[in-house]
């Protein structure tokens, strides 16, 4: 079954209906973003989150000590890295599950994934966070199904096609379940329902 991550959660009311709809993961963004949350906000949201749902912290080129502090204080389950973090950097976080983002624009970009064998790879569009999908055919022949988290422009209209084509470990959505920049309960519900019914 394809797992689901709702990323960019910022409000208590979002936690309440996410608890009801039960995706496997939610994401708190600590990197620069319009959905970035403070440490205090993340702690409050994580405290309210169902124990059945894992929390993912999204970081980009931040100091190891800062990431460790946030991860411990919030109680994160997964660390997702979107910057230039190399394998040496990632090896500092052996007590956590780690996802490494690979921004894809063409097949040559796939060479970026080779230093990160044996960890899950989040494939996103070249402009991460843009809400636009990349050409899924670029990674179709990589045979990394159990390793892939697919992001970038997913929504209720294209997520089933994405799963059919790539069979990813998980799908990651943010702007695709928003209305006017805010998570929309009905879109979250519909997105999760479509994934569950298909996978």
N, C-alpha and C. Protein backbone atom coordinates (compact mmCIF):
# COMPACT_ATOMS: atom_id res chain seq x y z
N UNK A 1 0.83 -1.19 0.00
CA UNK A 1 0.00 0.00 0.00
C UNK A 1 0.87 1.25 0.00
N UNK A 2 0.59 2.17 -0.90
CA UNK A 2 1.33 3.43 -0.96
C UNK A 2 1.00 4.28 0.26
N UNK A 3 2.03 4.77 0.91
CA UNK A 3 1.83 5.60 2.11
C UNK A 3 1.66 7.06 1.70
N UNK A 4 1.17 7.86 2.63
CA UNK A 4 0.82 9.25 2.34
C UNK A 4 1.48 10.18 3.34
N UNK A 5 2.05 11.28 2.81
CA UNK A 5 2.56 12.35 3.66
C UNK A 5 1.88 13.66 3.29
N UNK A 6 1.30 14.32 4.28
CA UNK A 6 0.76 15.66 4.12
C UNK A 6 1.80 16.62 4.66
N UNK A 7 2.40 17.42 3.79
CA UNK A 7 3.52 18.26 4.19
C UNK A 7 3.11 19.73 4.36
N UNK A 8 3.90 20.44 5.13
CA UNK A 8 3.65 21.86 5.32
C UNK A 8 2.51 22.16 6.26
N UNK A 9 2.34 21.32 7.28
CA UNK A 9 1.27 21.54 8.26
C UNK A 9 1.70 22.66 9.21
N UNK A 10 0.79 23.61 9.44
CA UNK A 10 1.16 24.79 10.24
C UNK A 10 0.14 25.14 11.32
N UNK A 11 -1.05 24.52 11.29
CA UNK A 11 -2.12 24.98 12.19
C UNK A 11 -2.71 23.82 12.98
N UNK A 12 -3.19 24.13 14.19
CA UNK A 12 -3.81 23.13 15.05
C UNK A 12 -5.00 22.48 14.38
N UNK A 13 -5.85 23.28 13.71
CA UNK A 13 -7.04 22.70 13.08
C UNK A 13 -6.68 21.70 11.99
N UNK A 14 -5.52 21.88 11.36
CA UNK A 14 -5.06 20.91 10.37
C UNK A 14 -4.71 19.59 11.05
N UNK A 15 -4.07 19.67 12.19
CA UNK A 15 -3.75 18.46 12.94
C UNK A 15 -5.02 17.69 13.30
N UNK A 16 -6.06 18.41 13.68
CA UNK A 16 -7.30 17.75 14.11
C UNK A 16 -7.93 16.93 13.00
N UNK A 17 -8.00 17.48 11.79
CA UNK A 17 -8.62 16.65 10.74
C UNK A 17 -7.64 15.66 10.12
N UNK A 18 -6.34 15.95 10.20
CA UNK A 18 -5.36 14.95 9.76
C UNK A 18 -5.41 13.73 10.68
N UNK A 19 -5.57 13.97 11.97
CA UNK A 19 -5.75 12.85 12.91
C UNK A 19 -6.94 11.98 12.51
N UNK A 20 -7.97 12.61 12.01
CA UNK A 20 -9.19 11.89 11.61
C UNK A 20 -8.97 11.09 10.34
N UNK A 21 -8.26 11.65 9.36
CA UNK A 21 -8.10 11.01 8.06
C UNK A 21 -6.93 10.04 8.02
N UNK A 22 -5.99 10.16 8.94
CA UNK A 22 -4.91 9.20 9.17
C UNK A 22 -3.97 8.92 7.98
N UNK A 23 -3.26 9.92 7.48
CA UNK A 23 -2.12 9.60 6.61
C UNK A 23 -1.02 8.98 7.48
N UNK A 24 -0.04 8.37 6.85
CA UNK A 24 1.05 7.77 7.63
C UNK A 24 2.02 8.81 8.18
N UNK A 25 2.17 9.93 7.45
CA UNK A 25 3.17 10.94 7.81
C UNK A 25 2.59 12.35 7.66
N UNK A 26 3.09 13.28 8.48
CA UNK A 26 2.90 14.70 8.19
C UNK A 26 4.27 15.37 8.24
N UNK A 27 4.37 16.52 7.57
CA UNK A 27 5.65 17.21 7.52
C UNK A 27 5.61 18.59 8.14
N UNK A 28 6.60 18.87 8.98
CA UNK A 28 6.84 20.20 9.53
C UNK A 28 8.05 20.78 8.81
N UNK A 29 7.91 21.96 8.23
CA UNK A 29 9.00 22.56 7.46
C UNK A 29 9.78 23.53 8.34
N UNK A 30 11.06 23.25 8.51
CA UNK A 30 11.96 24.11 9.29
C UNK A 30 12.92 24.88 8.39
N UNK A 31 12.92 24.57 7.10
CA UNK A 31 13.71 25.32 6.13
C UNK A 31 12.93 26.57 5.72
N UNK A 32 13.60 27.50 5.02
CA UNK A 32 12.92 28.71 4.59
C UNK A 32 11.81 28.36 3.60
N UNK A 33 10.60 28.78 3.94
CA UNK A 33 9.42 28.44 3.15
C UNK A 33 8.25 29.25 3.67
N UNK A 34 7.26 29.46 2.83
CA UNK A 34 6.06 30.14 3.31
C UNK A 34 5.29 29.26 4.30
N UNK A 35 5.66 27.98 4.36
CA UNK A 35 5.03 27.06 5.31
C UNK A 35 5.96 26.72 6.49
N UNK A 36 7.02 27.47 6.62
CA UNK A 36 7.96 27.23 7.72
C UNK A 36 7.28 27.43 9.07
N UNK A 37 7.59 26.55 10.04
CA UNK A 37 7.05 26.68 11.39
C UNK A 37 8.19 26.92 12.38
N UNK A 38 7.87 27.59 13.46
CA UNK A 38 8.84 27.79 14.54
C UNK A 38 8.95 26.52 15.36
N UNK A 39 9.99 26.44 16.16
CA UNK A 39 10.17 25.29 17.05
C UNK A 39 8.98 25.18 18.00
N UNK A 40 8.56 26.27 18.60
CA UNK A 40 7.44 26.23 19.57
C UNK A 40 6.15 25.76 18.91
N UNK A 41 5.88 26.25 17.70
CA UNK A 41 4.67 25.81 16.98
C UNK A 41 4.73 24.33 16.67
N UNK A 42 5.88 23.87 16.20
CA UNK A 42 6.02 22.45 15.87
C UNK A 42 5.81 21.57 17.10
N UNK A 43 6.32 22.00 18.25
CA UNK A 43 6.14 21.23 19.48
C UNK A 43 4.65 21.12 19.82
N UNK A 44 3.93 22.23 19.70
CA UNK A 44 2.49 22.21 20.00
C UNK A 44 1.74 21.29 19.03
N UNK A 45 2.07 21.39 17.76
CA UNK A 45 1.39 20.57 16.76
C UNK A 45 1.71 19.09 16.96
N UNK A 46 2.98 18.80 17.22
CA UNK A 46 3.40 17.39 17.42
C UNK A 46 2.73 16.80 18.66
N UNK A 47 2.57 17.59 19.70
CA UNK A 47 1.93 17.11 20.92
C UNK A 47 0.47 16.71 20.66
N UNK A 48 -0.18 17.40 19.73
CA UNK A 48 -1.59 17.12 19.42
C UNK A 48 -1.75 16.00 18.39
N UNK A 49 -0.68 15.65 17.70
CA UNK A 49 -0.73 14.66 16.64
C UNK A 49 -0.95 13.26 17.18
N UNK A 50 -1.79 12.49 16.48
CA UNK A 50 -2.02 11.10 16.85
C UNK A 50 -0.71 10.31 16.84
N UNK A 51 -0.56 9.40 17.79
CA UNK A 51 0.65 8.57 17.86
C UNK A 51 0.75 7.62 16.67
N UNK A 52 -0.35 7.44 15.94
CA UNK A 52 -0.34 6.56 14.77
C UNK A 52 0.32 7.22 13.56
N UNK A 53 0.52 8.53 13.62
CA UNK A 53 1.04 9.28 12.48
C UNK A 53 2.46 9.74 12.79
N UNK A 54 3.38 9.46 11.87
CA UNK A 54 4.78 9.85 12.08
C UNK A 54 5.02 11.28 11.62
N UNK A 55 5.91 11.96 12.34
CA UNK A 55 6.23 13.35 12.00
C UNK A 55 7.57 13.42 11.27
N UNK A 56 7.59 14.21 10.20
CA UNK A 56 8.77 14.40 9.37
C UNK A 56 9.22 15.85 9.49
N UNK A 57 10.48 16.07 9.79
CA UNK A 57 11.04 17.42 9.80
C UNK A 57 11.77 17.69 8.50
N UNK A 58 11.44 18.79 7.85
CA UNK A 58 12.04 19.14 6.56
C UNK A 58 13.10 20.23 6.78
N UNK A 59 14.33 19.93 6.38
CA UNK A 59 15.48 20.82 6.60
C UNK A 59 16.23 21.04 5.28
N UNK A 60 17.02 22.11 5.25
CA UNK A 60 17.87 22.35 4.07
C UNK A 60 19.13 23.09 4.50
N UNK A 61 20.26 22.38 4.47
CA UNK A 61 21.57 22.96 4.74
C UNK A 61 21.65 23.67 6.08
N UNK A 62 21.06 23.05 7.10
CA UNK A 62 21.12 23.63 8.43
C UNK A 62 22.19 22.92 9.27
N UNK A 63 22.69 23.62 10.27
CA UNK A 63 23.74 23.05 11.10
C UNK A 63 23.26 21.77 11.78
N UNK A 64 24.16 20.80 11.88
CA UNK A 64 23.81 19.51 12.47
C UNK A 64 23.26 19.70 13.87
N UNK A 65 23.89 20.55 14.66
CA UNK A 65 23.45 20.76 16.04
C UNK A 65 22.04 21.33 16.10
N UNK A 66 21.71 22.21 15.17
CA UNK A 66 20.36 22.79 15.13
C UNK A 66 19.32 21.73 14.77
N UNK A 67 19.64 20.90 13.77
CA UNK A 67 18.73 19.83 13.37
C UNK A 67 18.50 18.87 14.54
N UNK A 68 19.59 18.49 15.22
CA UNK A 68 19.47 17.57 16.36
C UNK A 68 18.59 18.16 17.46
N UNK A 69 18.77 19.44 17.75
CA UNK A 69 17.98 20.09 18.78
C UNK A 69 16.49 20.09 18.43
N UNK A 70 16.18 20.45 17.20
CA UNK A 70 14.78 20.48 16.77
C UNK A 70 14.18 19.08 16.79
N UNK A 71 14.93 18.12 16.25
CA UNK A 71 14.42 16.74 16.18
C UNK A 71 14.11 16.20 17.57
N UNK A 72 14.98 16.47 18.54
CA UNK A 72 14.77 15.98 19.90
C UNK A 72 13.62 16.69 20.59
N UNK A 73 13.57 18.00 20.47
CA UNK A 73 12.54 18.76 21.18
C UNK A 73 11.14 18.51 20.62
N UNK A 74 11.06 18.36 19.30
CA UNK A 74 9.75 18.12 18.68
C UNK A 74 9.36 16.65 18.80
N UNK A 75 10.35 15.76 18.79
CA UNK A 75 10.06 14.33 18.79
C UNK A 75 9.82 13.82 17.39
N UNK A 76 10.68 14.24 16.45
CA UNK A 76 10.51 13.84 15.05
C UNK A 76 10.84 12.37 14.85
N UNK A 77 10.16 11.76 13.89
CA UNK A 77 10.40 10.37 13.52
C UNK A 77 11.31 10.25 12.30
N UNK A 78 11.19 11.21 11.39
CA UNK A 78 11.92 11.17 10.11
C UNK A 78 12.54 12.54 9.87
N UNK A 79 13.77 12.55 9.31
CA UNK A 79 14.42 13.78 8.91
C UNK A 79 14.51 13.79 7.38
N UNK A 80 14.01 14.86 6.78
CA UNK A 80 14.01 14.99 5.32
C UNK A 80 14.91 16.17 4.95
N UNK A 81 15.92 15.89 4.11
CA UNK A 81 16.92 16.90 3.79
C UNK A 81 16.79 17.34 2.33
N UNK A 82 16.68 18.66 2.14
CA UNK A 82 16.43 19.22 0.81
C UNK A 82 17.59 20.05 0.27
N UNK A 83 18.72 20.08 0.96
CA UNK A 83 19.83 20.91 0.51
C UNK A 83 20.95 20.11 -0.12
N UNK A 84 22.18 20.51 0.19
CA UNK A 84 23.37 19.86 -0.37
C UNK A 84 23.98 18.87 0.63
N UNK A 85 23.18 18.37 1.55
CA UNK A 85 23.70 17.47 2.58
C UNK A 85 24.31 16.21 1.94
N UNK A 86 25.57 15.93 2.30
CA UNK A 86 26.22 14.75 1.75
C UNK A 86 26.07 13.57 2.71
N UNK A 87 26.67 12.46 2.31
CA UNK A 87 26.49 11.23 3.10
C UNK A 87 27.12 11.37 4.49
N UNK A 88 28.22 12.07 4.58
CA UNK A 88 28.87 12.29 5.87
C UNK A 88 27.94 13.05 6.82
N UNK A 89 27.27 14.06 6.31
CA UNK A 89 26.31 14.84 7.09
C UNK A 89 25.17 13.93 7.56
N UNK A 90 24.61 13.18 6.64
CA UNK A 90 23.47 12.31 6.95
C UNK A 90 23.83 11.25 7.98
N UNK A 91 25.08 10.79 7.96
CA UNK A 91 25.50 9.74 8.90
C UNK A 91 25.47 10.19 10.35
N UNK A 92 25.34 11.48 10.60
CA UNK A 92 25.22 11.97 11.97
C UNK A 92 23.86 11.63 12.59
N UNK A 93 22.92 11.18 11.77
CA UNK A 93 21.54 11.01 12.25
C UNK A 93 21.10 9.55 12.18
N UNK A 94 21.96 8.67 12.67
CA UNK A 94 21.70 7.24 12.57
C UNK A 94 20.49 6.78 13.38
N UNK A 95 20.10 7.57 14.38
CA UNK A 95 18.96 7.16 15.21
C UNK A 95 17.62 7.53 14.57
N UNK A 96 17.67 8.18 13.40
CA UNK A 96 16.44 8.59 12.72
C UNK A 96 16.34 7.93 11.35
N UNK A 97 15.11 7.78 10.88
CA UNK A 97 14.92 7.46 9.47
C UNK A 97 15.21 8.74 8.69
N UNK A 98 15.94 8.63 7.58
CA UNK A 98 16.31 9.80 6.80
C UNK A 98 15.79 9.67 5.37
N UNK A 99 15.23 10.77 4.87
CA UNK A 99 14.84 10.87 3.46
C UNK A 99 15.68 11.98 2.83
N UNK A 100 16.21 11.73 1.64
CA UNK A 100 16.99 12.75 0.93
C UNK A 100 16.24 13.18 -0.32
N UNK A 101 16.03 14.47 -0.46
CA UNK A 101 15.33 15.00 -1.63
C UNK A 101 16.28 15.11 -2.82
N UNK A 102 15.80 14.67 -3.97
CA UNK A 102 16.51 14.82 -5.24
C UNK A 102 15.61 15.64 -6.15
N UNK A 103 16.08 16.83 -6.55
CA UNK A 103 15.28 17.68 -7.43
C UNK A 103 15.57 17.29 -8.87
N UNK A 104 14.50 16.98 -9.62
CA UNK A 104 14.64 16.36 -10.93
C UNK A 104 14.21 17.32 -12.03
N UNK A 105 15.07 17.51 -13.01
CA UNK A 105 14.70 18.26 -14.21
C UNK A 105 14.96 17.43 -15.47
N UNK A 106 15.94 16.53 -15.40
CA UNK A 106 16.26 15.67 -16.53
C UNK A 106 16.99 14.43 -16.02
N UNK A 107 17.25 13.49 -16.91
CA UNK A 107 17.85 12.22 -16.50
C UNK A 107 19.22 12.40 -15.86
N UNK A 108 19.95 13.42 -16.26
CA UNK A 108 21.29 13.63 -15.69
C UNK A 108 21.22 13.89 -14.19
N UNK A 109 20.10 14.44 -13.74
CA UNK A 109 19.94 14.74 -12.32
C UNK A 109 19.92 13.47 -11.47
N UNK A 110 19.64 12.33 -12.09
CA UNK A 110 19.55 11.07 -11.34
C UNK A 110 20.89 10.65 -10.77
N UNK A 111 22.00 11.17 -11.33
CA UNK A 111 23.31 10.84 -10.77
C UNK A 111 23.43 11.33 -9.32
N UNK A 112 22.61 12.29 -8.96
CA UNK A 112 22.65 12.83 -7.60
C UNK A 112 22.25 11.78 -6.56
N UNK A 113 21.54 10.76 -7.00
CA UNK A 113 21.00 9.82 -6.01
C UNK A 113 22.02 8.76 -5.59
N UNK A 114 23.06 8.54 -6.35
CA UNK A 114 23.95 7.41 -6.08
C UNK A 114 24.67 7.46 -4.73
N UNK A 115 25.04 8.64 -4.21
CA UNK A 115 25.68 8.64 -2.88
C UNK A 115 24.72 8.27 -1.74
N UNK A 116 23.43 8.17 -2.05
CA UNK A 116 22.44 7.99 -0.98
C UNK A 116 21.75 6.63 -1.04
N UNK A 117 22.49 5.64 -1.48
CA UNK A 117 21.93 4.29 -1.52
C UNK A 117 21.53 3.86 -0.12
N UNK A 118 20.48 3.05 -0.07
CA UNK A 118 19.98 2.47 1.18
C UNK A 118 19.22 3.45 2.06
N UNK A 119 18.92 4.65 1.55
CA UNK A 119 17.97 5.51 2.24
C UNK A 119 16.87 5.87 1.25
N UNK A 120 15.74 6.30 1.78
CA UNK A 120 14.64 6.65 0.89
C UNK A 120 14.90 7.99 0.22
N UNK A 121 14.51 8.07 -1.05
CA UNK A 121 14.75 9.26 -1.85
C UNK A 121 13.42 9.93 -2.19
N UNK A 122 13.34 11.23 -1.90
CA UNK A 122 12.16 12.00 -2.24
C UNK A 122 12.44 12.74 -3.53
N UNK A 123 11.73 12.37 -4.59
CA UNK A 123 11.91 13.01 -5.88
C UNK A 123 10.91 14.15 -6.02
N UNK A 124 11.43 15.35 -6.27
CA UNK A 124 10.60 16.55 -6.36
C UNK A 124 10.95 17.27 -7.65
N UNK A 125 10.10 18.21 -8.04
CA UNK A 125 10.38 19.00 -9.24
C UNK A 125 11.59 19.89 -8.99
N UNK A 126 12.19 20.36 -10.06
CA UNK A 126 13.44 21.12 -9.95
C UNK A 126 13.30 22.31 -9.01
N UNK A 127 12.16 22.96 -9.06
CA UNK A 127 11.88 24.05 -8.12
C UNK A 127 11.02 23.47 -6.99
N UNK A 128 11.67 22.86 -6.02
CA UNK A 128 10.94 22.22 -4.93
C UNK A 128 9.97 23.18 -4.28
N UNK A 129 8.75 22.69 -4.01
CA UNK A 129 7.75 23.52 -3.38
C UNK A 129 6.94 24.37 -4.37
N UNK A 130 7.20 24.17 -5.67
CA UNK A 130 6.52 24.98 -6.68
C UNK A 130 5.10 24.50 -6.95
N UNK A 131 4.81 23.26 -6.54
CA UNK A 131 3.48 22.71 -6.83
C UNK A 131 3.34 22.20 -8.25
N UNK A 132 4.49 22.07 -8.96
CA UNK A 132 4.45 21.60 -10.35
C UNK A 132 5.11 20.23 -10.46
N UNK A 133 4.47 19.29 -11.17
CA UNK A 133 5.07 17.96 -11.32
C UNK A 133 6.23 17.98 -12.31
N UNK A 134 7.15 17.03 -12.14
CA UNK A 134 8.20 16.84 -13.13
C UNK A 134 7.80 15.68 -14.03
N UNK A 135 8.60 15.39 -15.02
CA UNK A 135 8.31 14.28 -15.95
C UNK A 135 8.60 12.96 -15.24
N UNK A 136 7.56 12.26 -14.84
CA UNK A 136 7.74 11.01 -14.08
C UNK A 136 8.48 9.94 -14.86
N UNK A 137 8.48 10.03 -16.19
CA UNK A 137 9.19 9.03 -17.01
C UNK A 137 10.69 9.04 -16.73
N UNK A 138 11.19 10.17 -16.21
CA UNK A 138 12.62 10.28 -15.93
C UNK A 138 13.06 9.23 -14.91
N UNK A 139 12.21 8.95 -13.93
CA UNK A 139 12.61 7.99 -12.89
C UNK A 139 11.92 6.63 -13.02
N UNK A 140 11.06 6.49 -14.03
CA UNK A 140 10.28 5.25 -14.15
C UNK A 140 11.16 4.01 -14.27
N UNK A 141 12.30 4.12 -14.95
CA UNK A 141 13.14 2.96 -15.22
C UNK A 141 14.21 2.73 -14.16
N UNK A 142 14.13 3.47 -13.07
CA UNK A 142 15.15 3.32 -12.02
C UNK A 142 14.90 2.12 -11.12
N UNK A 143 13.68 1.58 -11.15
CA UNK A 143 13.32 0.42 -10.33
C UNK A 143 13.65 0.63 -8.86
N UNK A 144 13.17 1.75 -8.34
CA UNK A 144 13.42 2.11 -6.94
C UNK A 144 12.12 2.17 -6.16
N UNK A 145 11.12 1.41 -6.59
CA UNK A 145 9.77 1.57 -6.07
C UNK A 145 9.71 1.65 -4.54
N UNK A 146 10.35 0.74 -3.86
CA UNK A 146 10.27 0.70 -2.39
C UNK A 146 11.04 1.84 -1.74
N UNK A 147 11.82 2.56 -2.53
CA UNK A 147 12.70 3.61 -2.02
C UNK A 147 12.15 5.01 -2.30
N UNK A 148 11.21 5.14 -3.24
CA UNK A 148 10.78 6.44 -3.72
C UNK A 148 9.67 7.05 -2.86
N UNK A 149 9.86 8.32 -2.50
CA UNK A 149 8.75 9.17 -2.06
C UNK A 149 8.55 10.17 -3.18
N UNK A 150 7.38 10.20 -3.76
CA UNK A 150 7.11 11.05 -4.90
C UNK A 150 6.44 12.34 -4.46
N UNK A 151 7.04 13.47 -4.84
CA UNK A 151 6.50 14.79 -4.51
C UNK A 151 6.47 15.64 -5.78
N UNK A 152 6.00 16.85 -5.66
CA UNK A 152 6.03 17.78 -6.77
C UNK A 152 4.76 17.79 -7.58
N UNK A 153 3.84 18.68 -7.24
CA UNK A 153 2.65 18.87 -8.06
C UNK A 153 1.60 17.80 -7.97
N UNK A 154 1.63 16.96 -6.96
CA UNK A 154 0.58 15.95 -6.80
C UNK A 154 -0.69 16.60 -6.28
N UNK A 155 -1.83 16.07 -6.76
CA UNK A 155 -3.13 16.53 -6.27
C UNK A 155 -4.14 15.41 -6.46
N UNK A 156 -5.40 15.70 -6.18
CA UNK A 156 -6.44 14.68 -6.27
C UNK A 156 -6.64 14.17 -7.69
N UNK A 157 -6.29 14.98 -8.67
CA UNK A 157 -6.53 14.61 -10.07
C UNK A 157 -5.44 13.75 -10.67
N UNK A 158 -4.22 13.80 -10.14
CA UNK A 158 -3.13 13.05 -10.80
C UNK A 158 -2.46 12.00 -9.92
N UNK A 159 -2.85 11.91 -8.65
CA UNK A 159 -2.12 11.01 -7.75
C UNK A 159 -2.29 9.54 -8.14
N UNK A 160 -3.46 9.15 -8.61
CA UNK A 160 -3.66 7.75 -9.00
C UNK A 160 -2.77 7.41 -10.20
N UNK A 161 -2.71 8.30 -11.17
CA UNK A 161 -1.84 8.09 -12.33
C UNK A 161 -0.38 7.95 -11.89
N UNK A 162 0.03 8.78 -10.94
CA UNK A 162 1.40 8.72 -10.44
C UNK A 162 1.70 7.37 -9.80
N UNK A 163 0.77 6.88 -9.00
CA UNK A 163 0.97 5.58 -8.34
C UNK A 163 1.00 4.46 -9.37
N UNK A 164 0.11 4.53 -10.36
CA UNK A 164 0.08 3.51 -11.42
C UNK A 164 1.41 3.44 -12.16
N UNK A 165 2.00 4.60 -12.40
CA UNK A 165 3.21 4.66 -13.21
C UNK A 165 4.46 4.29 -12.42
N UNK A 166 4.54 4.69 -11.15
CA UNK A 166 5.80 4.58 -10.41
C UNK A 166 5.77 3.63 -9.22
N UNK A 167 4.59 3.30 -8.71
CA UNK A 167 4.47 2.42 -7.55
C UNK A 167 5.40 2.87 -6.41
N UNK A 168 5.31 4.12 -5.98
CA UNK A 168 6.23 4.63 -4.96
C UNK A 168 5.93 4.09 -3.57
N UNK A 169 6.93 4.17 -2.71
CA UNK A 169 6.72 3.85 -1.30
C UNK A 169 5.69 4.80 -0.70
N UNK A 170 5.79 6.08 -1.07
CA UNK A 170 4.86 7.08 -0.52
C UNK A 170 4.68 8.21 -1.51
N UNK A 171 3.56 8.93 -1.34
CA UNK A 171 3.31 10.17 -2.08
C UNK A 171 3.27 11.31 -1.06
N UNK A 172 3.78 12.46 -1.49
CA UNK A 172 3.96 13.61 -0.61
C UNK A 172 3.23 14.80 -1.23
N UNK A 173 2.27 15.37 -0.51
CA UNK A 173 1.47 16.46 -1.06
C UNK A 173 1.45 17.64 -0.10
N UNK A 174 1.45 18.84 -0.67
CA UNK A 174 1.30 20.05 0.15
C UNK A 174 0.33 21.01 -0.52
N UNK A 175 0.79 21.76 -1.53
CA UNK A 175 -0.09 22.74 -2.17
C UNK A 175 -1.27 22.09 -2.88
N UNK A 176 -1.12 20.82 -3.26
CA UNK A 176 -2.20 20.12 -3.96
C UNK A 176 -3.42 19.86 -3.11
N UNK A 177 -3.32 20.06 -1.79
CA UNK A 177 -4.49 19.91 -0.91
C UNK A 177 -4.77 21.22 -0.18
N UNK A 178 -4.41 22.34 -0.82
CA UNK A 178 -4.64 23.65 -0.23
C UNK A 178 -5.64 24.46 -1.04
N UNK A 179 -6.29 25.38 -0.37
CA UNK A 179 -7.10 26.41 -1.01
C UNK A 179 -6.64 27.75 -0.46
N UNK A 180 -6.23 28.64 -1.35
CA UNK A 180 -5.71 29.95 -0.96
C UNK A 180 -4.56 29.83 0.04
N UNK A 181 -3.68 28.84 -0.20
CA UNK A 181 -2.49 28.69 0.61
C UNK A 181 -2.69 28.04 1.96
N UNK A 182 -3.89 27.51 2.22
CA UNK A 182 -4.19 26.88 3.51
C UNK A 182 -4.70 25.46 3.26
N UNK A 183 -4.25 24.51 4.08
CA UNK A 183 -4.71 23.14 3.93
C UNK A 183 -6.24 23.09 4.00
N UNK A 184 -6.84 22.39 3.04
CA UNK A 184 -8.29 22.29 2.89
C UNK A 184 -8.72 20.89 3.33
N UNK A 185 -9.53 20.80 4.36
CA UNK A 185 -9.91 19.50 4.94
C UNK A 185 -10.53 18.58 3.90
N UNK A 186 -11.37 19.11 3.03
CA UNK A 186 -12.03 18.26 2.04
C UNK A 186 -11.06 17.76 0.98
N UNK A 187 -10.09 18.59 0.62
CA UNK A 187 -9.08 18.15 -0.35
C UNK A 187 -8.16 17.10 0.26
N UNK A 188 -7.80 17.29 1.54
CA UNK A 188 -6.99 16.28 2.23
C UNK A 188 -7.74 14.96 2.28
N UNK A 189 -9.00 15.02 2.64
CA UNK A 189 -9.83 13.81 2.72
C UNK A 189 -9.93 13.12 1.37
N UNK A 190 -10.17 13.89 0.31
CA UNK A 190 -10.31 13.31 -1.04
C UNK A 190 -9.00 12.70 -1.51
N UNK A 191 -7.88 13.39 -1.27
CA UNK A 191 -6.57 12.89 -1.68
C UNK A 191 -6.29 11.54 -1.02
N UNK A 192 -6.48 11.48 0.29
CA UNK A 192 -6.22 10.24 1.03
C UNK A 192 -7.15 9.13 0.56
N UNK A 193 -8.41 9.45 0.33
CA UNK A 193 -9.39 8.46 -0.13
C UNK A 193 -8.98 7.88 -1.48
N UNK A 194 -8.51 8.73 -2.39
CA UNK A 194 -8.10 8.25 -3.72
C UNK A 194 -6.91 7.30 -3.62
N UNK A 195 -5.94 7.64 -2.79
CA UNK A 195 -4.77 6.77 -2.63
C UNK A 195 -5.17 5.46 -1.99
N UNK A 196 -5.99 5.51 -0.96
CA UNK A 196 -6.40 4.29 -0.25
C UNK A 196 -7.21 3.37 -1.17
N UNK A 197 -8.10 3.93 -1.96
CA UNK A 197 -8.94 3.10 -2.82
C UNK A 197 -8.14 2.42 -3.92
N UNK A 198 -7.07 3.09 -4.37
CA UNK A 198 -6.29 2.51 -5.46
C UNK A 198 -5.23 1.53 -4.97
N UNK A 199 -4.60 1.84 -3.83
CA UNK A 199 -3.43 1.05 -3.41
C UNK A 199 -3.76 0.10 -2.28
